[in-house]
Amino acid sequence: MKPAIGSYAVDMSTGRVGRVMGHEGPYVQLRPFGGGREWDCTPDIVREATTTERLRAATAYANRRSRGEVP
């Protein structure tokens, strides 16, 4: 799967949700919800994130931010 840039996807090897930032060579580049360091995934381990998964990632980020764990 080669998801659209700007969409949200799940790295099925880790379960992490990230925003698709680009496609570099054979890889899909994902960035964590709320920002941070991108990571590369092969297209065969990426799938589109569901609405529930996107909301869960947003909630987890908001909780970390309210505890002062992220700037």
PDB file of N, CA and C in Angstrom:
ATOM      1  N   MET A   1       0.845  -1.184   0.000  1.00  0.00           N
ATOM      2  CA  MET A   1       0.000   0.000   0.000  1.00  0.00           C
ATOM      3  C   MET A   1       0.885   1.239   0.000  1.00  0.00           C
ATOM      4  N   LYS A   2       0.519   2.212  -0.808  1.00  0.00           N
ATOM      5  CA  LYS A   2       1.242   3.480  -0.836  1.00  0.00           C
ATOM      6  C   LYS A   2       0.237   4.577  -0.488  1.00  0.00           C
ATOM      7  N   PRO A   3       0.082   4.878   0.817  1.00  0.00           N
ATOM      8  CA  PRO A   3      -0.923   5.849   1.245  1.00  0.00           C
ATOM      9  C   PRO A   3      -0.596   7.266   0.777  1.00  0.00           C
ATOM     10  N   ALA A   4      -1.622   8.064   0.669  1.00  0.00           N
ATOM     11  CA  ALA A   4      -1.467   9.450   0.219  1.00  0.00           C
ATOM     12  C   ALA A   4      -0.729  10.282   1.253  1.00  0.00           C
ATOM     13  N   ILE A   5       0.083  11.202   0.767  1.00  0.00           N
ATOM     14  CA  ILE A   5       0.791  12.130   1.652  1.00  0.00           C
ATOM     15  C   ILE A   5      -0.250  12.960   2.401  1.00  0.00           C
ATOM     16  N   GLY A   6      -0.064  13.085   3.717  1.00  0.00           N
ATOM     17  CA  GLY A   6      -0.987  13.833   4.558  1.00  0.00           C
ATOM     18  C   GLY A   6      -2.010  12.960   5.253  1.00  0.00           C
ATOM     19  N   SER A   7      -2.162  11.718   4.785  1.00  0.00           N
ATOM     20  CA  SER A   7      -3.096  10.807   5.436  1.00  0.00           C
ATOM     21  C   SER A   7      -2.432  10.175   6.656  1.00  0.00           C
ATOM     22  N   TYR A   8      -3.198   9.466   7.450  1.00  0.00           N
ATOM     23  CA  TYR A   8      -2.665   8.773   8.619  1.00  0.00           C
ATOM     24  C   TYR A   8      -2.628   7.284   8.346  1.00  0.00           C
ATOM     25  N   ALA A   9      -1.552   6.657   8.789  1.00  0.00           N
ATOM     26  CA  ALA A   9      -1.365   5.231   8.541  1.00  0.00           C
ATOM     27  C   ALA A   9      -0.843   4.562   9.798  1.00  0.00           C
ATOM     28  N   VAL A  10      -0.966   3.248   9.833  1.00  0.00           N
ATOM     29  CA  VAL A  10      -0.486   2.444  10.955  1.00  0.00           C
ATOM     30  C   VAL A  10       0.697   1.613  10.482  1.00  0.00           C
ATOM     31  N   ASP A  11       1.786   1.660  11.242  1.00  0.00           N
ATOM     32  CA  ASP A  11       2.926   0.774  11.036  1.00  0.00           C
ATOM     33  C   ASP A  11       2.544  -0.524  11.743  1.00  0.00           C
ATOM     34  N   MET A  12       2.182  -1.538  10.983  1.00  0.00           N
ATOM     35  CA  MET A  12       1.667  -2.776  11.574  1.00  0.00           C
ATOM     36  C   MET A  12       2.733  -3.565  12.331  1.00  0.00           C
ATOM     37  N   SER A  13       4.016  -3.244  12.121  1.00  0.00           N
ATOM     38  CA  SER A  13       5.057  -3.948  12.873  1.00  0.00           C
ATOM     39  C   SER A  13       5.150  -3.450  14.314  1.00  0.00           C
ATOM     40  N   THR A  14       4.711  -2.203  14.549  1.00  0.00           N
ATOM     41  CA  THR A  14       4.789  -1.629  15.896  1.00  0.00           C
ATOM     42  C   THR A  14       3.438  -1.189  16.441  1.00  0.00           C
ATOM     43  N   GLY A  15       2.463  -0.991  15.553  1.00  0.00           N
ATOM     44  CA  GLY A  15       1.159  -0.487  15.965  1.00  0.00           C
ATOM     45  C   GLY A  15       1.108   1.028  16.068  1.00  0.00           C
ATOM     46  N   ARG A  16       2.201   1.707  15.737  1.00  0.00           N
ATOM     47  CA  ARG A  16       2.246   3.167  15.830  1.00  0.00           C
ATOM     48  C   ARG A  16       1.460   3.812  14.697  1.00  0.00           C
ATOM     49  N   VAL A  17       0.786   4.912  15.021  1.00  0.00           N
ATOM     50  CA  VAL A  17       0.054   5.694  14.035  1.00  0.00           C
ATOM     51  C   VAL A  17       0.905   6.898  13.667  1.00  0.00           C
ATOM     52  N   GLY A  18       0.994   7.183  12.385  1.00  0.00           N
ATOM     53  CA  GLY A  18       1.765   8.332  11.945  1.00  0.00           C
ATOM     54  C   GLY A  18       1.142   8.987  10.730  1.00  0.00           C
ATOM     55  N   ARG A  19       1.525  10.217  10.522  1.00  0.00           N
ATOM     56  CA  ARG A  19       1.078  10.951   9.337  1.00  0.00           C
ATOM     57  C   ARG A  19       2.066  10.671   8.212  1.00  0.00           C
ATOM     58  N   VAL A  20       1.549  10.393   7.044  1.00  0.00           N
ATOM     59  CA  VAL A  20       2.398  10.092   5.891  1.00  0.00           C
ATOM     60  C   VAL A  20       3.024  11.401   5.412  1.00  0.00           C
ATOM     61  N   MET A  21       4.363  11.439   5.477  1.00  0.00           N
ATOM     62  CA  MET A  21       5.091  12.644   5.099  1.00  0.00           C
ATOM     63  C   MET A  21       5.674  12.560   3.699  1.00  0.00           C
ATOM     64  N   GLY A  22       5.859  11.347   3.198  1.00  0.00           N
ATOM     65  CA  GLY A  22       6.417  11.206   1.862  1.00  0.00           C
ATOM     66  C   GLY A  22       6.711   9.765   1.533  1.00  0.00           C
ATOM     67  N   HIS A  23       7.231   9.588   0.337  1.00  0.00           N
ATOM     68  CA  HIS A  23       7.640   8.277  -0.144  1.00  0.00           C
ATOM     69  C   HIS A  23       9.071   8.444  -0.647  1.00  0.00           C
ATOM     70  N   GLU A  24      10.004   7.766  -0.031  1.00  0.00           N
ATOM     71  CA  GLU A  24      11.411   7.882  -0.394  1.00  0.00           C
ATOM     72  C   GLU A  24      11.917   6.506  -0.780  1.00  0.00           C
ATOM     73  N   GLY A  25      12.205   6.342  -2.063  1.00  0.00           N
ATOM     74  CA  GLY A  25      12.616   5.028  -2.544  1.00  0.00           C
ATOM     75  C   GLY A  25      11.485   4.037  -2.296  1.00  0.00           C
ATOM     76  N   PRO A  26      11.804   2.895  -1.710  1.00  0.00           N
ATOM     77  CA  PRO A  26      10.757   1.896  -1.465  1.00  0.00           C
ATOM     78  C   PRO A  26      10.006   2.121  -0.152  1.00  0.00           C
ATOM     79  N   TYR A  27      10.301   3.191   0.568  1.00  0.00           N
ATOM     80  CA  TYR A  27       9.752   3.387   1.908  1.00  0.00           C
ATOM     81  C   TYR A  27       8.643   4.429   1.970  1.00  0.00           C
ATOM     82  N   VAL A  28       7.779   4.254   2.955  1.00  0.00           N
ATOM     83  CA  VAL A  28       6.775   5.248   3.321  1.00  0.00           C
ATOM     84  C   VAL A  28       7.310   5.923   4.575  1.00  0.00           C
ATOM     85  N   GLN A  29       7.347   7.242   4.589  1.00  0.00           N
ATOM     86  CA  GLN A  29       7.855   7.981   5.738  1.00  0.00           C
ATOM     87  C   GLN A  29       6.687   8.458   6.593  1.00  0.00           C
ATOM     88  N   LEU A  30       6.719   8.059   7.866  1.00  0.00           N
ATOM     89  CA  LEU A  30       5.671   8.427   8.818  1.00  0.00           C
ATOM     90  C   LEU A  30       6.242   9.312   9.910  1.00  0.00           C
ATOM     91  N   ARG A  31       5.405  10.241  10.390  1.00  0.00           N
ATOM     92  CA  ARG A  31       5.788  11.106  11.513  1.00  0.00           C
ATOM     93  C   ARG A  31       4.743  10.901  12.599  1.00  0.00           C
ATOM     94  N   PRO A  32       5.158  10.769  13.858  1.00  0.00           N
ATOM     95  CA  PRO A  32       4.203  10.557  14.952  1.00  0.00           C
ATOM     96  C   PRO A  32       3.175  11.682  15.033  1.00  0.00           C
ATOM     97  N   PHE A  33       2.014  11.354  15.566  1.00  0.00           N
ATOM     98  CA  PHE A  33       0.973  12.353  15.772  1.00  0.00           C
ATOM     99  C   PHE A  33       1.522  13.430  16.696  1.00  0.00           C
ATOM    100  N   GLY A  34       1.378  14.681  16.346  1.00  0.00           N
ATOM    101  CA  GLY A  34       1.872  15.779  17.159  1.00  0.00           C
ATOM    102  C   GLY A  34       3.298  16.175  16.823  1.00  0.00           C
ATOM    103  N   GLY A  35       3.932  15.474  15.886  1.00  0.00           N
ATOM    104  CA  GLY A  35       5.300  15.805  15.474  1.00  0.00           C
ATOM    105  C   GLY A  35       6.323  14.873  16.071  1.00  0.00           C
ATOM    106  N   GLY A  36       7.529  15.070  15.666  1.00  0.00           N
ATOM    107  CA  GLY A  36       8.619  14.226  16.139  1.00  0.00           C
ATOM    108  C   GLY A  36       9.406  13.657  14.984  1.00  0.00           C
ATOM    109  N   ARG A  37      10.268  12.729  15.302  1.00  0.00           N
ATOM    110  CA  ARG A  37      11.164  12.144  14.315  1.00  0.00           C
ATOM    111  C   ARG A  37      10.420  11.163  13.412  1.00  0.00           C
ATOM    112  N   GLU A  38      10.623  11.330  12.122  1.00  0.00           N
ATOM    113  CA  GLU A  38      10.008  10.427  11.157  1.00  0.00           C
ATOM    114  C   GLU A  38      10.677   9.060  11.202  1.00  0.00           C
ATOM    115  N   TRP A  39       9.927   8.055  10.759  1.00  0.00           N
ATOM    116  CA  TRP A  39      10.508   6.736  10.594  1.00  0.00           C
ATOM    117  C   TRP A  39      10.041   6.161   9.267  1.00  0.00           C
ATOM    118  N   ASP A  40      10.817   5.227   8.744  1.00  0.00           N
ATOM    119  CA  ASP A  40      10.523   4.608   7.459  1.00  0.00           C
ATOM    120  C   ASP A  40       9.893   3.241   7.643  1.00  0.00           C
ATOM    121  N   CYS A  41       8.942   2.935   6.772  1.00  0.00           N
ATOM    122  CA  CYS A  41       8.278   1.630   6.761  1.00  0.00           C
ATOM    123  C   CYS A  41       8.241   1.127   5.331  1.00  0.00           C
ATOM    124  N   THR A  42       8.288  -0.165   5.180  1.00  0.00           N
ATOM    125  CA  THR A  42       8.061  -0.717   3.855  1.00  0.00           C
ATOM    126  C   THR A  42       6.548  -0.715   3.611  1.00  0.00           C
ATOM    127  N   PRO A  43       6.135  -0.511   2.390  1.00  0.00           N
ATOM    128  CA  PRO A  43       4.700  -0.410   2.093  1.00  0.00           C
ATOM    129  C   PRO A  43       3.886  -1.635   2.509  1.00  0.00           C
ATOM    130  N   ASP A  44       4.517  -2.798   2.586  1.00  0.00           N
ATOM    131  CA  ASP A  44       3.764  -4.010   2.929  1.00  0.00           C
ATOM    132  C   ASP A  44       3.371  -4.083   4.394  1.00  0.00           C
ATOM    133  N   ILE A  45       3.937  -3.216   5.250  1.00  0.00           N
ATOM    134  CA  ILE A  45       3.557  -3.239   6.668  1.00  0.00           C
ATOM    135  C   ILE A  45       2.778  -1.991   7.079  1.00  0.00           C
ATOM    136  N   VAL A  46       2.287  -1.239   6.086  1.00  0.00           N
ATOM    137  CA  VAL A  46       1.539  -0.011   6.353  1.00  0.00           C
ATOM    138  C   VAL A  46       0.103  -0.195   5.882  1.00  0.00           C
ATOM    139  N   ARG A  47      -0.822   0.306   6.692  1.00  0.00           N
ATOM    140  CA  ARG A  47      -2.222   0.333   6.281  1.00  0.00           C
ATOM    141  C   ARG A  47      -2.829   1.642   6.742  1.00  0.00           C
ATOM    142  N   GLU A  48      -3.943   2.014   6.133  1.00  0.00           N
ATOM    143  CA  GLU A  48      -4.631   3.248   6.495  1.00  0.00           C
ATOM    144  C   GLU A  48      -5.135   3.154   7.935  1.00  0.00           C
ATOM    145  N   ALA A  49      -4.978   4.228   8.688  1.00  0.00           N
ATOM    146  CA  ALA A  49      -5.464   4.264  10.072  1.00  0.00           C
ATOM    147  C   ALA A  49      -6.975   4.480  10.075  1.00  0.00           C
ATOM    148  N   THR A  50      -7.643   3.815  11.002  1.00  0.00           N
ATOM    149  CA  THR A  50      -9.079   4.020  11.157  1.00  0.00           C
ATOM    150  C   THR A  50      -9.320   5.321  11.926  1.00  0.00           C
ATOM    151  N   THR A  51     -10.543   5.781  11.909  1.00  0.00           N
ATOM    152  CA  THR A  51     -10.899   6.984  12.671  1.00  0.00           C
ATOM    153  C   THR A  51     -10.603   6.763  14.149  1.00  0.00           C
ATOM    154  N   THR A  52     -10.916   5.595  14.664  1.00  0.00           N
ATOM    155  CA  THR A  52     -10.663   5.286  16.075  1.00  0.00           C
ATOM    156  C   THR A  52      -9.170   5.355  16.381  1.00  0.00           C
ATOM    157  N   GLU A  53      -8.342   4.822  15.508  1.00  0.00           N
ATOM    158  CA  GLU A  53      -6.892   4.849  15.737  1.00  0.00           C
ATOM    159  C   GLU A  53      -6.349   6.273  15.699  1.00  0.00           C
ATOM    160  N   ARG A  54      -6.851   7.099  14.784  1.00  0.00           N
ATOM    161  CA  ARG A  54      -6.420   8.502  14.741  1.00  0.00           C
ATOM    162  C   ARG A  54      -6.834   9.234  16.011  1.00  0.00           C
ATOM    163  N   LEU A  55      -8.064   9.011  16.476  1.00  0.00           N
ATOM    164  CA  LEU A  55      -8.524   9.661  17.703  1.00  0.00           C
ATOM    165  C   LEU A  55      -7.732   9.190  18.919  1.00  0.00           C
ATOM    166  N   ARG A  56      -7.421   7.908  18.965  1.00  0.00           N
ATOM    167  CA  ARG A  56      -6.629   7.366  20.072  1.00  0.00           C
ATOM    168  C   ARG A  56      -5.236   8.000  20.104  1.00  0.00           C
ATOM    169  N   ALA A  57      -4.618   8.162  18.936  1.00  0.00           N
ATOM    170  CA  ALA A  57      -3.299   8.798  18.866  1.00  0.00           C
ATOM    171  C   ALA A  57      -3.374  10.262  19.290  1.00  0.00           C
ATOM    172  N   ALA A  58      -4.424  10.955  18.864  1.00  0.00           N
ATOM    173  CA  ALA A  58      -4.597  12.364  19.245  1.00  0.00           C
ATOM    174  C   ALA A  58      -4.821  12.507  20.741  1.00  0.00           C
ATOM    175  N   THR A  59      -5.594  11.617  21.321  1.00  0.00           N
ATOM    176  CA  THR A  59      -5.851  11.649  22.765  1.00  0.00           C
ATOM    177  C   THR A  59      -4.585  11.357  23.553  1.00  0.00           C
ATOM    178  N   ALA A  60      -3.824  10.370  23.123  1.00  0.00           N
ATOM    179  CA  ALA A  60      -2.569  10.035  23.806  1.00  0.00           C
ATOM    180  C   ALA A  60      -1.612  11.222  23.756  1.00  0.00           C
ATOM    181  N   TYR A  61      -1.538  11.894  22.613  1.00  0.00           N
ATOM    182  CA  TYR A  61      -0.673  13.067  22.486  1.00  0.00           C
ATOM    183  C   TYR A  61      -1.148  14.186  23.409  1.00  0.00           C
ATOM    184  N   ALA A  62      -2.453  14.448  23.436  1.00  0.00           N
ATOM    185  CA  ALA A  62      -3.002  15.501  24.299  1.00  0.00           C
ATOM    186  C   ALA A  62      -2.727  15.194  25.770  1.00  0.00           C
ATOM    187  N   ASN A  63      -2.835  13.935  26.160  1.00  0.00           N
ATOM    188  CA  ASN A  63      -2.553  13.553  27.549  1.00  0.00           C
ATOM    189  C   ASN A  63      -1.081  13.757  27.892  1.00  0.00           C
ATOM    190  N   ARG A  64      -0.188  13.369  26.990  1.00  0.00           N
ATOM    191  CA  ARG A  64       1.252  13.582  27.238  1.00  0.00           C
ATOM    192  C   ARG A  64       1.570  15.055  27.330  1.00  0.00           C
ATOM    193  N   ARG A  65       0.930  15.843  26.485  1.00  0.00           N
ATOM    194  CA  ARG A  65       1.170  17.290  26.491  1.00  0.00           C
ATOM    195  C   ARG A  65       0.664  17.928  27.781  1.00  0.00           C
ATOM    196  N   SER A  66      -0.494  17.486  28.278  1.00  0.00           N
ATOM    197  CA  SER A  66      -1.038  18.067  29.500  1.00  0.00           C
ATOM    198  C   SER A  66      -0.185  17.712  30.721  1.00  0.00           C
ATOM    199  N   ARG A  67       0.541  16.609  30.635  1.00  0.00           N
ATOM    200  CA  ARG A  67       1.446  16.215  31.725  1.00  0.00           C
ATOM    201  C   ARG A  67       2.840  16.837  31.577  1.00  0.00           C
ATOM    202  N   GLY A  68       3.019  17.621  30.503  1.00  0.00           N
ATOM    203  CA  GLY A  68       4.291  18.291  30.285  1.00  0.00           C
ATOM    204  C   GLY A  68       5.371  17.389  29.707  1.00  0.00           C
ATOM    205  N   GLU A  69       4.966  16.261  29.124  1.00  0.00           N
ATOM    206  CA  GLU A  69       5.941  15.322  28.573  1.00  0.00           C
ATOM    207  C   GLU A  69       6.403  15.711  27.175  1.00  0.00           C
ATOM    208  N   VAL A  70       5.652  16.572  26.496  1.00  0.00           N
ATOM    209  CA  VAL A  70       6.043  17.061  25.168  1.00  0.00           C
ATOM    210  C   VAL A  70       5.887  18.568  25.178  1.00  0.00           C
ATOM    211  N   PRO A  71       6.738  19.264  24.428  1.00  0.00           N
ATOM    212  CA  PRO A  71       6.650  20.743  24.403  1.00  0.00           C
ATOM    213  C   PRO A  71       5.429  21.253  23.681  1.00  0.00           C
TER     214      PRO A  71
END
